[in-house]
Amino acid sequence: LNRENINDYEFKAFSQWGEDGIIDFLITNLDIENKTFIEFGVENYEEANTKFLLLNHYWKGLIIDSSSENVNYIKNSKLYWKYSLQAECEFITKENINAIIKKGNFEKRVGLLSIDIDGNDYWIWKEIEIVDPSIVIIEYNARFGKEKSCTVPYEKGFSRRDKHYSMIYYGASLKALIKLGISKGYAFICCNKAGNNAFFVKKELLNDNIKENLIENAFYKNKFRESRNTRGELTYLDSKSEEEIILSLPLEEV
């Protein structure tokens, strides 16, 4: 399958963009050992990559957010008693991520891991060793382009909002994440058309329907315009102007 085939399956039920459709396509065509998921950066879980798995496929999961208000909202919702879900309030760092996951008592080979924390995403995935997910979804920052292999430097308390007023300085390039994925035994499969999430599958699970892809065939620029000025107002900058801002700030080549 090429990029167009997989992206044709995109649909949104609970995900921010078309991730639900891609996930549904992947789990239908892969031999997933454990129907379990872990997702961090879920906010109040109204919009999330794993909610469709929970509600429609009855997967079991652990979700993590740094806001106690968000976690309390989740725990007081109907889905918390109707489905097999754990919600934890934690600010994720590379120092604590394995300990947080360990508390969830998951088998090592979880079905799916989704990482979207608008900051140290690269460093957190690199650090995770306590689980070995079949599928990984991780946010990339398309403003870095497809040639650069870079990430924001690791900072334990990284906050996208506080780090730079533009709100676009965070995360890693797609190329950096593909290199990291390869080092952890993953094949890069596709990105969503919105241009912010990359999908990886364990290499031994690949088959005639799910094949490794090339960055040249699968990179999407972000369609959304979220840059802000010093007053916190949206500026709707074009991609070239966004790129000029982000490339002027500290980056670490990986």
C-alpha atoms as a PDB file:
ATOM      1  CA  LEU A   1       0.000   0.000   0.000  1.00  0.00           C
ATOM      2  CA  ASN A   2       1.198   3.525  -0.688  1.00  0.00           C
ATOM      3  CA  ARG A   3       0.411   6.736   1.133  1.00  0.00           C
ATOM      4  CA  GLU A   4      -2.791   7.430  -0.789  1.00  0.00           C
ATOM      5  CA  ASN A   5      -4.282   4.013   0.024  1.00  0.00           C
ATOM      6  CA  ILE A   6      -3.880   4.355   3.779  1.00  0.00           C
ATOM      7  CA  ASN A   7      -4.857   8.022   3.865  1.00  0.00           C
ATOM      8  CA  ASP A   8      -8.013   7.204   1.934  1.00  0.00           C
ATOM      9  CA  TYR A   9      -9.172   5.422   5.093  1.00  0.00           C
ATOM     10  CA  GLU A  10      -8.901   8.506   7.287  1.00  0.00           C
ATOM     11  CA  PHE A  11     -11.964   9.447   9.298  1.00  0.00           C
ATOM     12  CA  LYS A  12     -12.602  11.328  12.510  1.00  0.00           C
ATOM     13  CA  ALA A  13     -14.814  10.043  15.312  1.00  0.00           C
ATOM     14  CA  PHE A  14     -12.913  11.135  18.418  1.00  0.00           C
ATOM     15  CA  SER A  15      -9.466  11.947  17.043  1.00  0.00           C
ATOM     16  CA  GLN A  16      -8.418  15.511  16.228  1.00  0.00           C
ATOM     17  CA  TRP A  17      -8.096  14.796  12.517  1.00  0.00           C
ATOM     18  CA  GLY A  18      -8.299  11.527  10.539  1.00  0.00           C
ATOM     19  CA  GLU A  19      -6.314   9.343  12.938  1.00  0.00           C
ATOM     20  CA  ASP A  20      -9.305   7.155  13.902  1.00  0.00           C
ATOM     21  CA  GLY A  21      -9.554   5.828  10.360  1.00  0.00           C
ATOM     22  CA  ILE A  22      -5.839   5.080  10.053  1.00  0.00           C
ATOM     23  CA  ILE A  23      -5.817   3.317  13.439  1.00  0.00           C
ATOM     24  CA  ASP A  24      -8.886   1.286  12.493  1.00  0.00           C
ATOM     25  CA  PHE A  25      -7.227   0.273   9.222  1.00  0.00           C
ATOM     26  CA  LEU A  26      -4.003  -0.739  10.990  1.00  0.00           C
ATOM     27  CA  ILE A  27      -5.612  -2.866  13.706  1.00  0.00           C
ATOM     28  CA  THR A  28      -7.822  -4.567  11.087  1.00  0.00           C
ATOM     29  CA  ASN A  29      -4.785  -5.540   9.003  1.00  0.00           C
ATOM     30  CA  LEU A  30      -2.236  -6.342  11.720  1.00  0.00           C
ATOM     31  CA  ASP A  31      -1.924  -9.268  14.081  1.00  0.00           C
ATOM     32  CA  ILE A  32      -2.151  -7.357  17.370  1.00  0.00           C
ATOM     33  CA  GLU A  33      -1.320  -9.565  20.343  1.00  0.00           C
ATOM     34  CA  ASN A  34      -2.735  -7.402  23.161  1.00  0.00           C
ATOM     35  CA  LYS A  35      -5.759  -5.113  22.779  1.00  0.00           C
ATOM     36  CA  THR A  36      -4.287  -2.457  25.042  1.00  0.00           C
ATOM     37  CA  PHE A  37      -3.259   1.170  24.603  1.00  0.00           C
ATOM     38  CA  ILE A  38      -1.365   3.951  26.353  1.00  0.00           C
ATOM     39  CA  GLU A  39      -1.858   7.592  25.428  1.00  0.00           C
ATOM     40  CA  PHE A  40      -0.428  10.737  26.939  1.00  0.00           C
ATOM     41  CA  GLY A  41      -1.367  14.337  26.400  1.00  0.00           C
ATOM     42  CA  VAL A  42      -5.112  13.560  26.217  1.00  0.00           C
ATOM     43  CA  GLU A  43      -6.407  16.773  27.859  1.00  0.00           C
ATOM     44  CA  ASN A  44     -10.006  15.907  28.910  1.00  0.00           C
ATOM     45  CA  TYR A  45     -10.207  12.904  26.514  1.00  0.00           C
ATOM     46  CA  GLU A  46     -13.078  14.397  24.513  1.00  0.00           C
ATOM     47  CA  GLU A  47     -10.698  14.346  21.538  1.00  0.00           C
ATOM     48  CA  ALA A  48      -8.077  11.586  21.527  1.00  0.00           C
ATOM     49  CA  ASN A  49      -6.389   8.963  19.348  1.00  0.00           C
ATOM     50  CA  THR A  50      -7.432   6.004  21.516  1.00  0.00           C
ATOM     51  CA  LYS A  51     -11.040   6.812  22.411  1.00  0.00           C
ATOM     52  CA  PHE A  52     -12.371   5.005  19.320  1.00  0.00           C
ATOM     53  CA  LEU A  53     -10.419   1.880  20.372  1.00  0.00           C
ATOM     54  CA  LEU A  54     -11.930   2.109  23.850  1.00  0.00           C
ATOM     55  CA  LEU A  55     -15.555   2.721  22.853  1.00  0.00           C
ATOM     56  CA  ASN A  56     -15.833   0.779  19.594  1.00  0.00           C
ATOM     57  CA  HIS A  57     -13.338  -2.050  20.035  1.00  0.00           C
ATOM     58  CA  TYR A  58     -13.377  -2.397  23.845  1.00  0.00           C
ATOM     59  CA  TRP A  59      -9.615  -2.117  24.193  1.00  0.00           C
ATOM     60  CA  LYS A  60      -8.174  -1.551  27.672  1.00  0.00           C
ATOM     61  CA  GLY A  61      -6.061   1.518  28.264  1.00  0.00           C
ATOM     62  CA  LEU A  62      -4.034   3.954  30.323  1.00  0.00           C
ATOM     63  CA  ILE A  63      -4.281   7.684  29.627  1.00  0.00           C
ATOM     64  CA  ILE A  64      -2.092  10.367  31.203  1.00  0.00           C
ATOM     65  CA  ASP A  65      -2.451  14.141  31.402  1.00  0.00           C
ATOM     66  CA  SER A  66      -0.661  16.756  33.496  1.00  0.00           C
ATOM     67  CA  SER A  67      -3.846  18.629  34.436  1.00  0.00           C
ATOM     68  CA  SER A  68      -5.724  17.439  37.537  1.00  0.00           C
ATOM     69  CA  GLU A  69      -8.812  19.229  36.235  1.00  0.00           C
ATOM     70  CA  ASN A  70      -8.699  17.173  33.022  1.00  0.00           C
ATOM     71  CA  VAL A  71      -8.107  13.888  34.866  1.00  0.00           C
ATOM     72  CA  ASN A  72     -10.945  14.575  37.316  1.00  0.00           C
ATOM     73  CA  TYR A  73     -13.232  15.344  34.372  1.00  0.00           C
ATOM     74  CA  ILE A  74     -12.364  11.969  32.825  1.00  0.00           C
ATOM     75  CA  LYS A  75     -12.825  10.072  36.075  1.00  0.00           C
ATOM     76  CA  ASN A  76     -16.260  11.646  36.578  1.00  0.00           C
ATOM     77  CA  SER A  77     -17.448  10.804  33.057  1.00  0.00           C
ATOM     78  CA  LYS A  78     -19.659   7.833  32.176  1.00  0.00           C
ATOM     79  CA  LEU A  79     -17.002   6.127  30.105  1.00  0.00           C
ATOM     80  CA  TYR A  80     -14.785   5.741  33.167  1.00  0.00           C
ATOM     81  CA  TRP A  81     -17.091   3.202  34.769  1.00  0.00           C
ATOM     82  CA  LYS A  82     -18.401   1.717  31.523  1.00  0.00           C
ATOM     83  CA  TYR A  83     -14.994   0.826  30.050  1.00  0.00           C
ATOM     84  CA  SER A  84     -11.614  -0.502  31.169  1.00  0.00           C
ATOM     85  CA  LEU A  85      -9.709   2.756  31.487  1.00  0.00           C
ATOM     86  CA  GLN A  86      -7.090   4.121  33.883  1.00  0.00           C
ATOM     87  CA  ALA A  87      -6.446   7.877  34.020  1.00  0.00           C
ATOM     88  CA  GLU A  88      -3.364   9.264  35.751  1.00  0.00           C
ATOM     89  CA  CYS A  89      -2.375  12.861  36.468  1.00  0.00           C
ATOM     90  CA  GLU A  90       1.358  13.196  35.819  1.00  0.00           C
ATOM     91  CA  PHE A  91       3.725  15.651  34.165  1.00  0.00           C
ATOM     92  CA  ILE A  92       5.706  13.292  31.959  1.00  0.00           C
ATOM     93  CA  THR A  93       9.500  13.455  31.850  1.00  0.00           C
ATOM     94  CA  LYS A  94      12.093  11.012  30.568  1.00  0.00           C
ATOM     95  CA  GLU A  95      13.011  10.419  34.204  1.00  0.00           C
ATOM     96  CA  ASN A  96       9.534   9.217  35.247  1.00  0.00           C
ATOM     97  CA  ILE A  97       7.839   7.790  32.148  1.00  0.00           C
ATOM     98  CA  ASN A  98       8.789   4.134  32.669  1.00  0.00           C
ATOM     99  CA  ALA A  99       7.715   4.245  36.334  1.00  0.00           C
ATOM    100  CA  ILE A 100       4.336   5.784  35.384  1.00  0.00           C
ATOM    101  CA  ILE A 101       3.655   3.080  32.781  1.00  0.00           C
ATOM    102  CA  LYS A 102       4.816   0.341  35.158  1.00  0.00           C
ATOM    103  CA  LYS A 103       1.994   1.260  37.573  1.00  0.00           C
ATOM    104  CA  GLY A 104      -0.516   0.381  34.841  1.00  0.00           C
ATOM    105  CA  ASN A 105       0.484  -3.325  34.925  1.00  0.00           C
ATOM    106  CA  PHE A 106       0.458  -3.858  31.153  1.00  0.00           C
ATOM    107  CA  GLU A 107       1.994  -6.720  29.216  1.00  0.00           C
ATOM    108  CA  LYS A 108       5.252  -5.599  27.584  1.00  0.00           C
ATOM    109  CA  ARG A 109       3.776  -5.756  24.071  1.00  0.00           C
ATOM    110  CA  VAL A 110       0.945  -3.220  24.311  1.00  0.00           C
ATOM    111  CA  GLY A 111      -1.169  -2.795  21.211  1.00  0.00           C
ATOM    112  CA  LEU A 112      -0.754   0.930  20.674  1.00  0.00           C
ATOM    113  CA  LEU A 113       1.148   3.860  22.141  1.00  0.00           C
ATOM    114  CA  SER A 114       0.188   7.462  21.318  1.00  0.00           C
ATOM    115  CA  ILE A 115       2.532  10.339  22.234  1.00  0.00           C
ATOM    116  CA  ASP A 116       1.438  13.963  21.914  1.00  0.00           C
ATOM    117  CA  ILE A 117       2.844  16.228  24.618  1.00  0.00           C
ATOM    118  CA  ASP A 118       3.850  19.251  22.506  1.00  0.00           C
ATOM    119  CA  GLY A 119       7.454  19.279  23.617  1.00  0.00           C
ATOM    120  CA  ASN A 120       9.745  16.437  24.639  1.00  0.00           C
ATOM    121  CA  ASP A 121       7.992  13.833  22.443  1.00  0.00           C
ATOM    122  CA  TYR A 122      11.231  12.550  20.849  1.00  0.00           C
ATOM    123  CA  TRP A 123      13.027  12.224  24.191  1.00  0.00           C
ATOM    124  CA  ILE A 124      10.119  10.457  25.876  1.00  0.00           C
ATOM    125  CA  TRP A 125       9.760   7.841  23.125  1.00  0.00           C
ATOM    126  CA  LYS A 126      13.512   7.299  23.168  1.00  0.00           C
ATOM    127  CA  GLU A 127      13.382   6.615  26.920  1.00  0.00           C
ATOM    128  CA  ILE A 128      10.451   4.171  26.942  1.00  0.00           C
ATOM    129  CA  GLU A 129      11.670   0.611  27.423  1.00  0.00           C
ATOM    130  CA  ILE A 130       9.166  -0.952  29.824  1.00  0.00           C
ATOM    131  CA  VAL A 131       6.677  -1.585  26.996  1.00  0.00           C
ATOM    132  CA  ASP A 132       7.187  -2.546  23.359  1.00  0.00           C
ATOM    133  CA  PRO A 133       4.090  -1.351  21.459  1.00  0.00           C
ATOM    134  CA  SER A 134       2.920  -2.938  18.205  1.00  0.00           C
ATOM    135  CA  ILE A 135       1.862   0.489  16.872  1.00  0.00           C
ATOM    136  CA  VAL A 136       3.261   3.898  17.811  1.00  0.00           C
ATOM    137  CA  ILE A 137       1.621   7.203  16.906  1.00  0.00           C
ATOM    138  CA  ILE A 138       3.736  10.249  17.633  1.00  0.00           C
ATOM    139  CA  GLU A 139       3.315  13.910  16.823  1.00  0.00           C
ATOM    140  CA  TYR A 140       5.899  15.472  14.515  1.00  0.00           C
ATOM    141  CA  ASN A 141       6.440  19.174  13.880  1.00  0.00           C
ATOM    142  CA  ALA A 142       6.156  19.580  10.123  1.00  0.00           C
ATOM    143  CA  ARG A 143       7.618  23.096  10.255  1.00  0.00           C
ATOM    144  CA  PHE A 144      11.078  21.493  10.499  1.00  0.00           C
ATOM    145  CA  GLY A 145      10.524  20.102   6.979  1.00  0.00           C
ATOM    146  CA  LYS A 146      11.456  16.643   5.752  1.00  0.00           C
ATOM    147  CA  GLU A 147      15.220  17.112   5.353  1.00  0.00           C
ATOM    148  CA  LYS A 148      16.212  18.024   8.922  1.00  0.00           C
ATOM    149  CA  SER A 149      16.722  15.426  11.673  1.00  0.00           C
ATOM    150  CA  CYS A 150      16.226  17.566  14.762  1.00  0.00           C
ATOM    151  CA  THR A 151      14.279  18.073  17.971  1.00  0.00           C
ATOM    152  CA  VAL A 152      13.918  20.716  20.655  1.00  0.00           C
ATOM    153  CA  PRO A 153      16.624  20.096  23.278  1.00  0.00           C
ATOM    154  CA  TYR A 154      15.438  18.103  26.282  1.00  0.00           C
ATOM    155  CA  GLU A 155      14.239  20.213  29.186  1.00  0.00           C
ATOM    156  CA  LYS A 156      12.561  18.471  32.096  1.00  0.00           C
ATOM    157  CA  GLY A 157       9.840  21.078  32.589  1.00  0.00           C
ATOM    158  CA  PHE A 158       9.371  21.998  28.919  1.00  0.00           C
ATOM    159  CA  SER A 159       6.178  23.976  28.301  1.00  0.00           C
ATOM    160  CA  ARG A 160       5.307  24.944  24.764  1.00  0.00           C
ATOM    161  CA  ARG A 161       3.318  27.928  26.041  1.00  0.00           C
ATOM    162  CA  ASP A 162       6.169  29.285  28.165  1.00  0.00           C
ATOM    163  CA  LYS A 163       9.098  28.418  25.892  1.00  0.00           C
ATOM    164  CA  HIS A 164       8.219  30.729  23.003  1.00  0.00           C
ATOM    165  CA  TYR A 165       5.272  33.040  22.478  1.00  0.00           C
ATOM    166  CA  SER A 166       4.641  31.682  18.957  1.00  0.00           C
ATOM    167  CA  MET A 167       3.487  28.289  20.345  1.00  0.00           C
ATOM    168  CA  ILE A 168       5.112  26.544  17.351  1.00  0.00           C
ATOM    169  CA  TYR A 169       8.464  25.704  18.974  1.00  0.00           C
ATOM    170  CA  TYR A 170       8.083  22.108  20.179  1.00  0.00           C
ATOM    171  CA  GLY A 171       8.601  18.478  19.235  1.00  0.00           C
ATOM    172  CA  ALA A 172      10.783  16.924  16.568  1.00  0.00           C
ATOM    173  CA  SER A 173      11.082  16.589  12.815  1.00  0.00           C
ATOM    174  CA  LEU A 174       9.632  13.571  11.047  1.00  0.00           C
ATOM    175  CA  LYS A 175      13.103  12.443   9.926  1.00  0.00           C
ATOM    176  CA  ALA A 176      14.349  12.428  13.552  1.00  0.00           C
ATOM    177  CA  LEU A 177      11.395  10.283  14.618  1.00  0.00           C
ATOM    178  CA  ILE A 178      11.885   7.850  11.715  1.00  0.00           C
ATOM    179  CA  LYS A 179      15.542   7.383  12.682  1.00  0.00           C
ATOM    180  CA  LEU A 180      14.548   6.817  16.296  1.00  0.00           C
ATOM    181  CA  GLY A 181      11.817   4.388  15.230  1.00  0.00           C
ATOM    182  CA  ILE A 182      14.288   2.347  13.164  1.00  0.00           C
ATOM    183  CA  SER A 183      16.628   2.115  16.165  1.00  0.00           C
ATOM    184  CA  LYS A 184      13.736   0.703  18.211  1.00  0.00           C
ATOM    185  CA  GLY A 185      12.657  -1.833  15.568  1.00  0.00           C
ATOM    186  CA  TYR A 186       9.845   0.111  13.882  1.00  0.00           C
ATOM    187  CA  ALA A 187       8.907   0.771  10.288  1.00  0.00           C
ATOM    188  CA  PHE A 188       7.500   4.146   9.307  1.00  0.00           C
ATOM    189  CA  ILE A 189       4.058   3.647   7.724  1.00  0.00           C
ATOM    190  CA  CYS A 190       2.410   7.012   7.041  1.00  0.00           C
ATOM    191  CA  CYS A 191       1.425  10.449   8.311  1.00  0.00           C
ATOM    192  CA  ASN A 192      -2.063  11.853   8.567  1.00  0.00           C
ATOM    193  CA  LYS A 193      -3.126  14.368   5.940  1.00  0.00           C
ATOM    194  CA  ALA A 194      -3.376  17.165   8.510  1.00  0.00           C
ATOM    195  CA  GLY A 195       0.409  16.914   8.838  1.00  0.00           C
ATOM    196  CA  ASN A 196       0.990  16.342  12.541  1.00  0.00           C
ATOM    197  CA  ASN A 197       0.969  12.618  13.383  1.00  0.00           C
ATOM    198  CA  ALA A 198       3.313   9.856  12.207  1.00  0.00           C
ATOM    199  CA  PHE A 199       2.466   6.135  12.397  1.00  0.00           C
ATOM    200  CA  PHE A 200       4.961   3.345  13.093  1.00  0.00           C
ATOM    201  CA  VAL A 201       4.561  -0.442  13.228  1.00  0.00           C
ATOM    202  CA  LYS A 202       6.904  -3.100  14.619  1.00  0.00           C
ATOM    203  CA  LYS A 203       8.844  -4.484  11.646  1.00  0.00           C
ATOM    204  CA  GLU A 204       7.982  -8.129  12.340  1.00  0.00           C
ATOM    205  CA  LEU A 205       4.259  -7.287  12.019  1.00  0.00           C
ATOM    206  CA  LEU A 206       4.494  -5.887   8.480  1.00  0.00           C
ATOM    207  CA  ASN A 207       2.556  -7.753   5.792  1.00  0.00           C
ATOM    208  CA  ASP A 208       1.173  -7.349   2.269  1.00  0.00           C
ATOM    209  CA  ASN A 209      -1.307  -4.692   3.446  1.00  0.00           C
ATOM    210  CA  ILE A 210       0.942  -2.759   5.844  1.00  0.00           C
ATOM    211  CA  LYS A 211       4.320  -1.887   4.367  1.00  0.00           C
ATOM    212  CA  GLU A 212       7.213   0.392   5.231  1.00  0.00           C
ATOM    213  CA  ASN A 213       7.062   3.831   3.623  1.00  0.00           C
ATOM    214  CA  LEU A 214       9.568   6.523   2.649  1.00  0.00           C
ATOM    215  CA  ILE A 215       9.535  10.052   4.039  1.00  0.00           C
ATOM    216  CA  GLU A 216       9.522  11.387   0.469  1.00  0.00           C
ATOM    217  CA  ASN A 217       6.208   9.648  -0.205  1.00  0.00           C
ATOM    218  CA  ALA A 218       4.496  10.221   3.106  1.00  0.00           C
ATOM    219  CA  PHE A 219       5.425  13.648   4.500  1.00  0.00           C
ATOM    220  CA  TYR A 220       2.588  16.135   4.863  1.00  0.00           C
ATOM    221  CA  LYS A 221       2.985  19.806   5.755  1.00  0.00           C
ATOM    222  CA  ASN A 222       0.690  20.907   8.567  1.00  0.00           C
ATOM    223  CA  LYS A 223      -2.611  22.347   7.286  1.00  0.00           C
ATOM    224  CA  PHE A 224      -3.418  24.174  10.531  1.00  0.00           C
ATOM    225  CA  ARG A 225      -2.101  27.660  11.379  1.00  0.00           C
ATOM    226  CA  GLU A 226      -1.619  28.027  15.118  1.00  0.00           C
ATOM    227  CA  SER A 227       1.216  30.552  15.476  1.00  0.00           C
ATOM    228  CA  ARG A 228       0.622  33.429  17.884  1.00  0.00           C
ATOM    229  CA  ASN A 229       2.060  36.884  18.561  1.00  0.00           C
ATOM    230  CA  THR A 230       3.391  38.207  21.879  1.00  0.00           C
ATOM    231  CA  ARG A 231      -0.171  39.081  22.948  1.00  0.00           C
ATOM    232  CA  GLY A 232      -1.259  35.464  22.436  1.00  0.00           C
ATOM    233  CA  GLU A 233      -3.369  36.248  19.370  1.00  0.00           C
ATOM    234  CA  LEU A 234      -3.408  33.949  16.336  1.00  0.00           C
ATOM    235  CA  THR A 235      -1.322  35.392  13.492  1.00  0.00           C
ATOM    236  CA  TYR A 236      -2.187  32.913  10.670  1.00  0.00           C
ATOM    237  CA  LEU A 237       1.393  33.031   9.373  1.00  0.00           C
ATOM    238  CA  ASP A 238       2.271  31.168   6.189  1.00  0.00           C
ATOM    239  CA  SER A 239       4.561  28.149   6.440  1.00  0.00           C
ATOM    240  CA  LYS A 240       7.683  30.084   5.318  1.00  0.00           C
ATOM    241  CA  SER A 241       7.233  32.659   8.096  1.00  0.00           C
ATOM    242  CA  GLU A 242       6.629  29.902  10.645  1.00  0.00           C
ATOM    243  CA  GLU A 243       9.757  28.113   9.469  1.00  0.00           C
ATOM    244  CA  GLU A 244      11.852  31.282   9.880  1.00  0.00           C
ATOM    245  CA  ILE A 245      10.737  31.569  13.527  1.00  0.00           C
ATOM    246  CA  ILE A 246      11.324  27.956  14.460  1.00  0.00           C
ATOM    247  CA  LEU A 247      14.699  27.590  12.743  1.00  0.00           C
ATOM    248  CA  SER A 248      16.022  30.660  14.598  1.00  0.00           C
ATOM    249  CA  LEU A 249      15.546  28.898  17.958  1.00  0.00           C
ATOM    250  CA  PRO A 250      17.804  26.253  19.630  1.00  0.00           C
ATOM    251  CA  LEU A 251      17.552  22.812  17.995  1.00  0.00           C
ATOM    252  CA  GLU A 252      19.411  19.578  18.589  1.00  0.00           C
ATOM    253  CA  GLU A 253      20.433  17.427  15.636  1.00  0.00           C
ATOM    254  CA  VAL A 254      19.828  13.733  16.240  1.00  0.00           C
END
